[in-house]
Amino acid sequence: MRCKTLTLLSLAAAALVFTGCDGGKAQMTTGETNVLGLYKNVQESYAPTSPNSFTINSDELYTRKNFSGDKTTLLWGLITIEDY
């Protein structure tokens, strides 16, 4: 009886641990870096920024002629640095 209970608890714990796994099929796009949402960098993004974000454009910081189009977000999108 005790062995069955232990086996069932082990299976339930394993099911909780592996719930949501896709077997390694999900991948980020090329040129994307994400560290738990604290830091995210997308190369050649040119995507619009959320109105709930504090946005900094690189042309406001210094002048340059060749923009990369990279977008860096910090703290789950609270701060966005755009290079376009």
Protein backbone atom coordinates (compact mmCIF):
# COMPACT_ATOMS: atom_id res chain seq x y z
CA MET A 1 0.00 0.00 0.00
CA ARG A 2 2.76 2.41 0.93
CA CYS A 3 4.66 1.62 -2.27
CA LYS A 4 1.61 2.45 -4.40
CA THR A 5 1.11 5.76 -2.60
CA LEU A 6 4.76 6.68 -3.05
CA THR A 7 4.60 5.77 -6.74
CA LEU A 8 1.47 7.86 -7.27
CA LEU A 9 3.00 10.84 -5.48
CA SER A 10 6.17 10.52 -7.57
CA LEU A 11 4.15 10.41 -10.79
CA ALA A 12 2.10 13.42 -9.73
CA ALA A 13 5.25 15.39 -8.88
CA ALA A 14 6.81 14.46 -12.23
CA ALA A 15 3.64 15.52 -14.05
CA LEU A 16 3.75 18.91 -12.33
CA VAL A 17 7.40 19.41 -13.16
CA PHE A 18 7.04 18.53 -16.84
CA THR A 19 3.69 20.21 -17.48
CA GLY A 20 4.01 22.68 -20.31
CA CYS A 21 7.15 21.22 -21.82
CA ASP A 22 7.08 21.21 -25.58
CA GLY A 23 10.03 18.90 -26.07
CA GLY A 24 12.37 21.70 -27.16
CA LYS A 25 10.35 22.80 -30.18
CA ALA A 26 9.84 26.42 -29.07
CA GLN A 27 12.65 28.67 -30.19
CA MET A 28 13.35 32.36 -30.12
CA THR A 29 13.82 34.10 -33.42
CA THR A 30 17.34 34.70 -34.64
CA GLY A 31 18.88 37.73 -33.05
CA GLU A 32 16.68 37.63 -29.95
CA THR A 33 18.01 37.46 -26.41
CA ASN A 34 15.72 37.14 -23.40
CA VAL A 35 16.82 36.78 -19.78
CA LEU A 36 13.63 36.09 -17.81
CA GLY A 37 12.11 39.33 -19.07
CA LEU A 38 14.55 41.41 -17.06
CA TYR A 39 16.59 42.04 -20.23
CA LYS A 40 15.37 41.43 -23.77
CA ASN A 41 17.11 42.45 -26.98
CA VAL A 42 15.65 41.98 -30.46
CA GLN A 43 17.81 42.80 -33.46
CA GLU A 44 16.26 44.60 -36.43
CA SER A 45 12.91 44.86 -34.68
CA TYR A 46 11.41 48.19 -35.80
CA ALA A 47 8.26 47.17 -33.88
CA PRO A 48 6.12 49.87 -32.22
CA THR A 49 6.57 50.34 -28.51
CA SER A 50 3.81 49.88 -25.96
CA PRO A 51 2.32 53.13 -24.60
CA ASN A 52 2.92 51.76 -21.09
CA SER A 53 6.69 51.84 -21.57
CA PHE A 54 9.21 54.57 -20.83
CA THR A 55 10.89 54.85 -24.25
CA ILE A 56 14.39 56.13 -24.95
CA ASN A 57 15.48 56.60 -28.57
CA SER A 58 19.19 56.36 -29.32
CA ASP A 59 19.07 59.50 -31.47
CA GLU A 60 18.11 61.44 -28.33
CA LEU A 61 21.32 60.31 -26.63
CA TYR A 62 23.78 60.90 -29.48
CA THR A 63 23.75 61.60 -33.20
CA ARG A 64 24.54 58.94 -35.77
CA LYS A 65 23.53 58.05 -39.29
CA ASN A 66 23.38 54.26 -39.35
CA PHE A 67 20.70 52.86 -37.07
CA SER A 68 20.58 49.13 -36.40
CA GLY A 69 16.87 48.79 -35.60
CA ASP A 70 17.58 46.96 -32.36
CA LYS A 71 15.12 47.21 -29.49
CA THR A 72 16.14 46.54 -25.90
CA THR A 73 13.58 46.24 -23.12
CA LEU A 74 14.32 46.16 -19.40
CA LEU A 75 12.15 45.05 -16.49
CA TRP A 76 9.45 43.30 -18.55
CA GLY A 77 9.01 46.22 -20.95
CA LEU A 78 8.93 49.02 -18.40
CA ILE A 79 11.96 50.68 -20.02
CA THR A 80 12.56 50.43 -23.78
CA ILE A 81 15.68 51.58 -25.63
CA GLU A 82 15.19 51.85 -29.40
CA ASP A 83 17.92 52.22 -32.00
CA TYR A 84 15.73 53.44 -34.86
